[in-house]
Amino acid sequence: MILLDTNIISEMMKPIPNARVINWIDQQNVTQLFITAITIAEISYGLNVLPKGNRRSVLENAFNKAIKESFMHRILLFDDNAAHFYGKIMGERKKLGRPMSILDGQIAAIARTCESVIATRNINDFENCGLQLINPFDE
């Protein structure tokens, strides 16, 4: 199971996504690619701060369609198990002098709960969380 971080999803929404990311995605078993409800919230927020207009509408429609068609039944939630991992991860990172953002902490906790790998451009954001990390931008 591979959990796609928000920056991978947002890369796929670009008019011309990074070729390495496209190639990496194409090599994966799509049934093993998951996202979190946190990523949906982050992308939704990003879309809603854009000025109303054609660009925003096109992106919103494409995103909603991708969620329904590409990730139906593969959206992971922040539940009570993830909440326990969240406390451990955030505490450890703070002790290391490397505090995390709340949203990255939630994504990391969901990944720990599911024992999944995280695919992200921001490897440093998830180091020392007890996770296997992949950077598709470097593949």
N, C-alpha and C. Protein backbone atom coordinates (compact mmCIF):
# COMPACT_ATOMS: atom_id res chain seq x y z
N MET A 1 0.85 -1.17 0.00
CA MET A 1 0.00 0.00 0.00
C MET A 1 0.89 1.24 0.00
N ILE A 2 0.58 2.17 -0.89
CA ILE A 2 1.32 3.42 -0.98
C ILE A 2 0.34 4.58 -0.80
N LEU A 3 0.65 5.42 0.16
CA LEU A 3 -0.16 6.59 0.44
C LEU A 3 0.44 7.78 -0.29
N LEU A 4 -0.34 8.40 -1.16
CA LEU A 4 0.14 9.54 -1.92
C LEU A 4 -0.06 10.82 -1.11
N ASP A 5 1.04 11.52 -0.87
CA ASP A 5 0.96 12.79 -0.15
C ASP A 5 0.30 13.83 -1.05
N THR A 6 -0.14 14.90 -0.44
CA THR A 6 -0.86 15.95 -1.15
C THR A 6 -0.05 16.50 -2.32
N ASN A 7 1.27 16.62 -2.16
CA ASN A 7 2.06 17.21 -3.24
C ASN A 7 2.11 16.32 -4.48
N ILE A 8 1.88 15.03 -4.33
CA ILE A 8 1.83 14.14 -5.50
C ILE A 8 0.51 14.36 -6.24
N ILE A 9 -0.57 14.48 -5.50
CA ILE A 9 -1.88 14.73 -6.13
C ILE A 9 -1.88 16.10 -6.80
N SER A 10 -1.35 17.11 -6.14
CA SER A 10 -1.35 18.44 -6.75
C SER A 10 -0.45 18.47 -7.98
N GLU A 11 0.61 17.69 -7.99
CA GLU A 11 1.47 17.61 -9.18
C GLU A 11 0.70 17.04 -10.35
N MET A 12 -0.12 16.04 -10.09
CA MET A 12 -0.91 15.41 -11.14
C MET A 12 -1.97 16.36 -11.71
N MET A 13 -2.30 17.41 -10.97
CA MET A 13 -3.30 18.37 -11.41
C MET A 13 -2.71 19.48 -12.29
N LYS A 14 -1.38 19.53 -12.38
CA LYS A 14 -0.73 20.58 -13.18
C LYS A 14 -0.95 20.33 -14.66
N PRO A 15 -0.96 21.39 -15.46
CA PRO A 15 -1.12 21.22 -16.91
C PRO A 15 -0.03 20.31 -17.50
N ILE A 16 1.19 20.45 -17.00
CA ILE A 16 2.29 19.59 -17.43
C ILE A 16 2.97 19.04 -16.18
N PRO A 17 2.51 17.88 -15.68
CA PRO A 17 3.11 17.30 -14.48
C PRO A 17 4.54 16.82 -14.75
N ASN A 18 5.30 16.72 -13.68
CA ASN A 18 6.66 16.22 -13.75
C ASN A 18 6.68 14.83 -14.38
N ALA A 19 7.52 14.63 -15.39
CA ALA A 19 7.57 13.37 -16.13
C ALA A 19 7.97 12.20 -15.23
N ARG A 20 8.86 12.44 -14.28
CA ARG A 20 9.27 11.35 -13.37
C ARG A 20 8.09 10.86 -12.53
N VAL A 21 7.28 11.80 -12.09
CA VAL A 21 6.11 11.43 -11.29
C VAL A 21 5.13 10.64 -12.14
N ILE A 22 4.88 11.08 -13.35
CA ILE A 22 3.99 10.37 -14.26
C ILE A 22 4.50 8.95 -14.50
N ASN A 23 5.78 8.82 -14.80
CA ASN A 23 6.37 7.50 -15.04
C ASN A 23 6.26 6.61 -13.81
N TRP A 24 6.51 7.20 -12.64
CA TRP A 24 6.42 6.42 -11.41
C TRP A 24 4.99 5.93 -11.18
N ILE A 25 4.02 6.83 -11.32
CA ILE A 25 2.60 6.46 -11.15
C ILE A 25 2.24 5.34 -12.13
N ASP A 26 2.67 5.48 -13.38
CA ASP A 26 2.35 4.48 -14.42
C ASP A 26 2.92 3.09 -14.09
N GLN A 27 3.97 3.04 -13.29
CA GLN A 27 4.59 1.76 -12.94
C GLN A 27 3.94 1.10 -11.72
N GLN A 28 3.03 1.81 -11.07
CA GLN A 28 2.42 1.29 -9.85
C GLN A 28 1.14 0.52 -10.15
N ASN A 29 0.82 -0.41 -9.26
CA ASN A 29 -0.46 -1.07 -9.28
C ASN A 29 -1.46 -0.08 -8.67
N VAL A 30 -2.33 0.48 -9.50
CA VAL A 30 -3.21 1.55 -9.02
C VAL A 30 -4.09 1.14 -7.85
N THR A 31 -4.37 -0.14 -7.72
CA THR A 31 -5.19 -0.58 -6.59
C THR A 31 -4.43 -0.47 -5.26
N GLN A 32 -3.13 -0.21 -5.33
CA GLN A 32 -2.33 -0.07 -4.13
C GLN A 32 -2.04 1.40 -3.78
N LEU A 33 -2.59 2.32 -4.57
CA LEU A 33 -2.39 3.75 -4.33
C LEU A 33 -3.59 4.31 -3.58
N PHE A 34 -3.31 4.98 -2.47
CA PHE A 34 -4.34 5.53 -1.61
C PHE A 34 -4.07 7.00 -1.33
N ILE A 35 -5.10 7.71 -0.93
CA ILE A 35 -4.95 9.07 -0.42
C ILE A 35 -5.66 9.14 0.92
N THR A 36 -5.48 10.26 1.60
CA THR A 36 -6.17 10.45 2.88
C THR A 36 -7.23 11.54 2.75
N ALA A 37 -8.15 11.53 3.67
CA ALA A 37 -9.14 12.61 3.75
C ALA A 37 -8.43 13.94 4.02
N ILE A 38 -7.25 13.89 4.64
CA ILE A 38 -6.47 15.10 4.90
C ILE A 38 -6.05 15.74 3.57
N THR A 39 -5.63 14.91 2.62
CA THR A 39 -5.24 15.42 1.31
C THR A 39 -6.44 16.06 0.60
N ILE A 40 -7.59 15.44 0.71
CA ILE A 40 -8.79 16.03 0.12
C ILE A 40 -9.04 17.41 0.73
N ALA A 41 -8.88 17.52 2.04
CA ALA A 41 -9.08 18.81 2.72
C ALA A 41 -8.06 19.84 2.25
N GLU A 42 -6.80 19.44 2.12
CA GLU A 42 -5.76 20.38 1.70
C GLU A 42 -5.99 20.89 0.27
N ILE A 43 -6.33 19.97 -0.63
CA ILE A 43 -6.57 20.37 -2.03
C ILE A 43 -7.84 21.21 -2.11
N SER A 44 -8.87 20.81 -1.39
CA SER A 44 -10.12 21.56 -1.39
C SER A 44 -9.88 22.99 -0.90
N TYR A 45 -9.09 23.13 0.13
CA TYR A 45 -8.75 24.46 0.65
C TYR A 45 -8.03 25.27 -0.44
N GLY A 46 -7.02 24.65 -1.06
CA GLY A 46 -6.28 25.34 -2.12
C GLY A 46 -7.16 25.80 -3.25
N LEU A 47 -8.11 24.96 -3.62
CA LEU A 47 -9.03 25.33 -4.70
C LEU A 47 -9.96 26.46 -4.27
N ASN A 48 -10.40 26.43 -3.04
CA ASN A 48 -11.35 27.43 -2.57
C ASN A 48 -10.75 28.81 -2.31
N VAL A 49 -9.44 28.89 -2.24
CA VAL A 49 -8.83 30.21 -2.09
C VAL A 49 -8.49 30.83 -3.45
N LEU A 50 -8.62 30.04 -4.51
CA LEU A 50 -8.44 30.59 -5.86
C LEU A 50 -9.60 31.52 -6.18
N PRO A 51 -9.36 32.54 -6.99
CA PRO A 51 -10.47 33.41 -7.39
C PRO A 51 -11.50 32.60 -8.18
N LYS A 52 -12.77 32.93 -7.98
CA LYS A 52 -13.82 32.25 -8.74
C LYS A 52 -13.62 32.56 -10.22
N GLY A 53 -13.82 31.52 -11.02
CA GLY A 53 -13.65 31.70 -12.45
C GLY A 53 -13.46 30.36 -13.14
N ASN A 54 -13.13 30.42 -14.41
CA ASN A 54 -13.00 29.21 -15.23
C ASN A 54 -11.90 28.29 -14.72
N ARG A 55 -10.73 28.85 -14.40
CA ARG A 55 -9.61 28.00 -13.95
C ARG A 55 -9.99 27.22 -12.69
N ARG A 56 -10.57 27.91 -11.73
CA ARG A 56 -10.99 27.26 -10.49
C ARG A 56 -12.03 26.18 -10.77
N SER A 57 -13.02 26.49 -11.60
CA SER A 57 -14.07 25.52 -11.93
C SER A 57 -13.51 24.27 -12.59
N VAL A 58 -12.61 24.48 -13.53
CA VAL A 58 -12.00 23.35 -14.24
C VAL A 58 -11.21 22.47 -13.25
N LEU A 59 -10.42 23.10 -12.39
CA LEU A 59 -9.63 22.35 -11.41
C LEU A 59 -10.53 21.61 -10.41
N GLU A 60 -11.57 22.29 -9.92
CA GLU A 60 -12.49 21.65 -8.98
C GLU A 60 -13.17 20.44 -9.62
N ASN A 61 -13.64 20.60 -10.83
CA ASN A 61 -14.31 19.49 -11.52
C ASN A 61 -13.35 18.33 -11.76
N ALA A 62 -12.13 18.65 -12.19
CA ALA A 62 -11.14 17.60 -12.44
C ALA A 62 -10.78 16.87 -11.15
N PHE A 63 -10.61 17.63 -10.08
CA PHE A 63 -10.27 17.03 -8.79
C PHE A 63 -11.40 16.13 -8.28
N ASN A 64 -12.62 16.63 -8.30
CA ASN A 64 -13.76 15.83 -7.83
C ASN A 64 -13.94 14.57 -8.67
N LYS A 65 -13.74 14.69 -9.98
CA LYS A 65 -13.84 13.52 -10.86
C LYS A 65 -12.74 12.51 -10.54
N ALA A 66 -11.52 13.00 -10.33
CA ALA A 66 -10.39 12.11 -10.02
C ALA A 66 -10.63 11.37 -8.70
N ILE A 67 -11.16 12.07 -7.72
CA ILE A 67 -11.44 11.42 -6.43
C ILE A 67 -12.47 10.31 -6.61
N LYS A 68 -13.55 10.62 -7.32
CA LYS A 68 -14.61 9.63 -7.52
C LYS A 68 -14.14 8.44 -8.36
N GLU A 69 -13.41 8.72 -9.44
CA GLU A 69 -13.03 7.66 -10.37
C GLU A 69 -11.74 6.94 -9.99
N SER A 70 -10.77 7.67 -9.46
CA SER A 70 -9.47 7.06 -9.22
C SER A 70 -9.28 6.55 -7.80
N PHE A 71 -9.98 7.13 -6.85
CA PHE A 71 -9.73 6.74 -5.45
C PHE A 71 -10.96 6.26 -4.71
N MET A 72 -12.01 5.93 -5.43
CA MET A 72 -13.20 5.38 -4.79
C MET A 72 -12.79 4.19 -3.93
N HIS A 73 -13.15 4.19 -2.69
CA HIS A 73 -12.85 3.11 -1.74
C HIS A 73 -11.37 3.03 -1.37
N ARG A 74 -10.59 4.05 -1.71
CA ARG A 74 -9.17 4.06 -1.34
C ARG A 74 -8.80 5.41 -0.72
N ILE A 75 -9.72 5.90 0.10
CA ILE A 75 -9.50 7.14 0.86
C ILE A 75 -9.43 6.74 2.33
N LEU A 76 -8.29 7.03 2.94
CA LEU A 76 -8.06 6.63 4.33
C LEU A 76 -8.42 7.78 5.27
N LEU A 77 -9.02 7.42 6.40
CA LEU A 77 -9.52 8.41 7.35
C LEU A 77 -8.64 8.50 8.59
N PHE A 78 -8.70 9.65 9.25
CA PHE A 78 -8.03 9.85 10.52
C PHE A 78 -8.99 9.36 11.60
N ASP A 79 -8.67 8.19 12.17
CA ASP A 79 -9.57 7.59 13.16
C ASP A 79 -8.88 7.52 14.52
N ASP A 80 -9.48 6.79 15.46
CA ASP A 80 -8.92 6.73 16.81
C ASP A 80 -7.55 6.06 16.84
N ASN A 81 -7.32 5.06 15.98
CA ASN A 81 -5.99 4.43 15.93
C ASN A 81 -4.96 5.42 15.43
N ALA A 82 -5.30 6.16 14.39
CA ALA A 82 -4.39 7.18 13.87
C ALA A 82 -4.14 8.26 14.91
N ALA A 83 -5.16 8.58 15.70
CA ALA A 83 -5.00 9.61 16.73
C ALA A 83 -3.92 9.22 17.74
N HIS A 84 -3.85 7.94 18.09
CA HIS A 84 -2.82 7.48 19.02
C HIS A 84 -1.44 7.59 18.39
N PHE A 85 -1.30 7.18 17.14
CA PHE A 85 -0.02 7.32 16.45
C PHE A 85 0.36 8.80 16.30
N TYR A 86 -0.63 9.63 16.06
CA TYR A 86 -0.39 11.06 15.90
C TYR A 86 0.32 11.63 17.13
N GLY A 87 -0.19 11.31 18.30
CA GLY A 87 0.43 11.80 19.52
C GLY A 87 1.88 11.35 19.66
N LYS A 88 2.13 10.08 19.33
CA LYS A 88 3.50 9.54 19.41
C LYS A 88 4.42 10.22 18.42
N ILE A 89 3.96 10.34 17.19
CA ILE A 89 4.78 10.94 16.12
C ILE A 89 5.08 12.40 16.43
N MET A 90 4.05 13.15 16.78
CA MET A 90 4.24 14.58 17.03
C MET A 90 5.15 14.80 18.25
N GLY A 91 4.98 13.98 19.27
CA GLY A 91 5.83 14.09 20.46
C GLY A 91 7.29 13.77 20.15
N GLU A 92 7.51 12.70 19.40
CA GLU A 92 8.88 12.32 19.03
C GLU A 92 9.54 13.40 18.19
N ARG A 93 8.82 13.90 17.22
CA ARG A 93 9.40 14.93 16.36
C ARG A 93 9.71 16.21 17.15
N LYS A 94 8.86 16.55 18.09
CA LYS A 94 9.13 17.73 18.91
C LYS A 94 10.38 17.52 19.76
N LYS A 95 10.51 16.32 20.34
CA LYS A 95 11.71 16.01 21.14
C LYS A 95 12.98 16.09 20.30
N LEU A 96 12.87 15.74 19.02
CA LEU A 96 14.02 15.79 18.12
C LEU A 96 14.31 17.21 17.63
N GLY A 97 13.46 18.16 18.02
CA GLY A 97 13.63 19.53 17.55
C GLY A 97 13.19 19.72 16.12
N ARG A 98 12.32 18.81 15.65
CA ARG A 98 11.83 18.86 14.27
C ARG A 98 10.30 18.73 14.27
N PRO A 99 9.60 19.70 14.87
CA PRO A 99 8.13 19.59 14.91
C PRO A 99 7.53 19.55 13.51
N MET A 100 6.38 18.90 13.41
CA MET A 100 5.68 18.73 12.13
C MET A 100 4.44 19.61 12.11
N SER A 101 3.96 19.87 10.89
CA SER A 101 2.66 20.53 10.77
C SER A 101 1.59 19.53 11.22
N ILE A 102 0.48 20.05 11.65
CA ILE A 102 -0.62 19.20 12.11
C ILE A 102 -1.07 18.27 11.00
N LEU A 103 -1.24 18.81 9.78
CA LEU A 103 -1.74 17.99 8.68
C LEU A 103 -0.75 16.89 8.28
N ASP A 104 0.54 17.21 8.22
CA ASP A 104 1.54 16.18 7.92
C ASP A 104 1.57 15.13 9.03
N GLY A 105 1.40 15.56 10.26
CA GLY A 105 1.35 14.61 11.38
C GLY A 105 0.16 13.66 11.25
N GLN A 106 -0.96 14.18 10.81
CA GLN A 106 -2.14 13.33 10.61
C GLN A 106 -1.92 12.34 9.47
N ILE A 107 -1.32 12.81 8.37
CA ILE A 107 -1.04 11.92 7.25
C ILE A 107 -0.06 10.83 7.69
N ALA A 108 0.98 11.21 8.42
CA ALA A 108 1.96 10.23 8.91
C ALA A 108 1.28 9.21 9.83
N ALA A 109 0.39 9.67 10.69
CA ALA A 109 -0.30 8.77 11.61
C ALA A 109 -1.20 7.79 10.87
N ILE A 110 -1.89 8.25 9.85
CA ILE A 110 -2.72 7.36 9.05
C ILE A 110 -1.84 6.31 8.38
N ALA A 111 -0.69 6.74 7.85
CA ALA A 111 0.23 5.81 7.20
C ALA A 111 0.75 4.77 8.19
N ARG A 112 1.08 5.18 9.40
CA ARG A 112 1.54 4.23 10.43
C ARG A 112 0.44 3.23 10.76
N THR A 113 -0.79 3.71 10.87
CA THR A 113 -1.91 2.84 11.19
C THR A 113 -2.07 1.75 10.14
N CYS A 114 -1.90 2.11 8.89
CA CYS A 114 -2.09 1.18 7.77
C CYS A 114 -0.81 0.48 7.35
N GLU A 115 0.30 0.82 8.02
CA GLU A 115 1.61 0.28 7.65
C GLU A 115 1.90 0.51 6.17
N SER A 116 1.59 1.71 5.71
CA SER A 116 1.80 2.02 4.30
C SER A 116 3.05 2.88 4.11
N VAL A 117 3.53 2.86 2.91
CA VAL A 117 4.63 3.70 2.46
C VAL A 117 4.02 5.06 2.11
N ILE A 118 4.78 6.15 2.29
CA ILE A 118 4.32 7.45 1.84
C ILE A 118 5.14 7.88 0.63
N ALA A 119 4.45 8.24 -0.44
CA ALA A 119 5.09 8.83 -1.61
C ALA A 119 4.94 10.34 -1.49
N THR A 120 6.06 11.05 -1.43
CA THR A 120 6.04 12.49 -1.22
C THR A 120 7.28 13.14 -1.81
N ARG A 121 7.15 14.38 -2.17
CA ARG A 121 8.32 15.15 -2.59
C ARG A 121 9.07 15.64 -1.36
N ASN A 122 8.35 15.79 -0.26
CA ASN A 122 8.90 16.38 0.95
C ASN A 122 9.34 15.30 1.95
N ILE A 123 10.37 14.58 1.59
CA ILE A 123 10.88 13.50 2.44
C ILE A 123 11.20 14.00 3.84
N ASN A 124 11.83 15.17 3.94
CA ASN A 124 12.22 15.71 5.25
C ASN A 124 11.03 15.91 6.18
N ASP A 125 9.87 16.19 5.61
CA ASP A 125 8.68 16.42 6.43
C ASP A 125 8.24 15.16 7.17
N PHE A 126 8.62 13.99 6.66
CA PHE A 126 8.14 12.73 7.23
C PHE A 126 9.25 11.86 7.81
N GLU A 127 10.49 12.37 7.85
CA GLU A 127 11.57 11.59 8.44
C GLU A 127 11.34 11.43 9.93
N ASN A 128 11.88 10.35 10.48
CA ASN A 128 11.78 10.05 11.90
C ASN A 128 10.34 9.84 12.36
N CYS A 129 9.51 9.30 11.47
CA CYS A 129 8.13 8.99 11.82
C CYS A 129 7.87 7.48 11.79
N GLY A 130 8.92 6.70 11.59
CA GLY A 130 8.75 5.24 11.52
C GLY A 130 8.10 4.78 10.24
N LEU A 131 8.37 5.52 9.13
CA LEU A 131 7.72 5.22 7.87
C LEU A 131 8.75 4.99 6.77
N GLN A 132 8.37 4.17 5.80
CA GLN A 132 9.15 4.05 4.57
C GLN A 132 8.68 5.15 3.64
N LEU A 133 9.64 5.84 3.01
CA LEU A 133 9.32 6.99 2.18
C LEU A 133 9.85 6.80 0.77
N ILE A 134 9.10 7.30 -0.21
CA ILE A 134 9.49 7.26 -1.61
C ILE A 134 9.31 8.67 -2.17
N ASN A 135 10.30 9.13 -2.95
CA ASN A 135 10.16 10.42 -3.62
C ASN A 135 10.05 10.16 -5.12
N PRO A 136 8.84 10.15 -5.68
CA PRO A 136 8.64 9.91 -7.11
C PRO A 136 9.33 10.94 -8.00
N PHE A 137 9.64 12.11 -7.47
CA PHE A 137 10.33 13.13 -8.24
C PHE A 137 11.79 12.72 -8.50
N ASP A 138 12.31 11.81 -7.67
CA ASP A 138 13.69 11.34 -7.83
C ASP A 138 13.78 9.98 -8.51
N GLU A 139 12.66 9.33 -8.75
CA GLU A 139 12.67 7.98 -9.31
C GLU A 139 13.14 7.99 -10.74
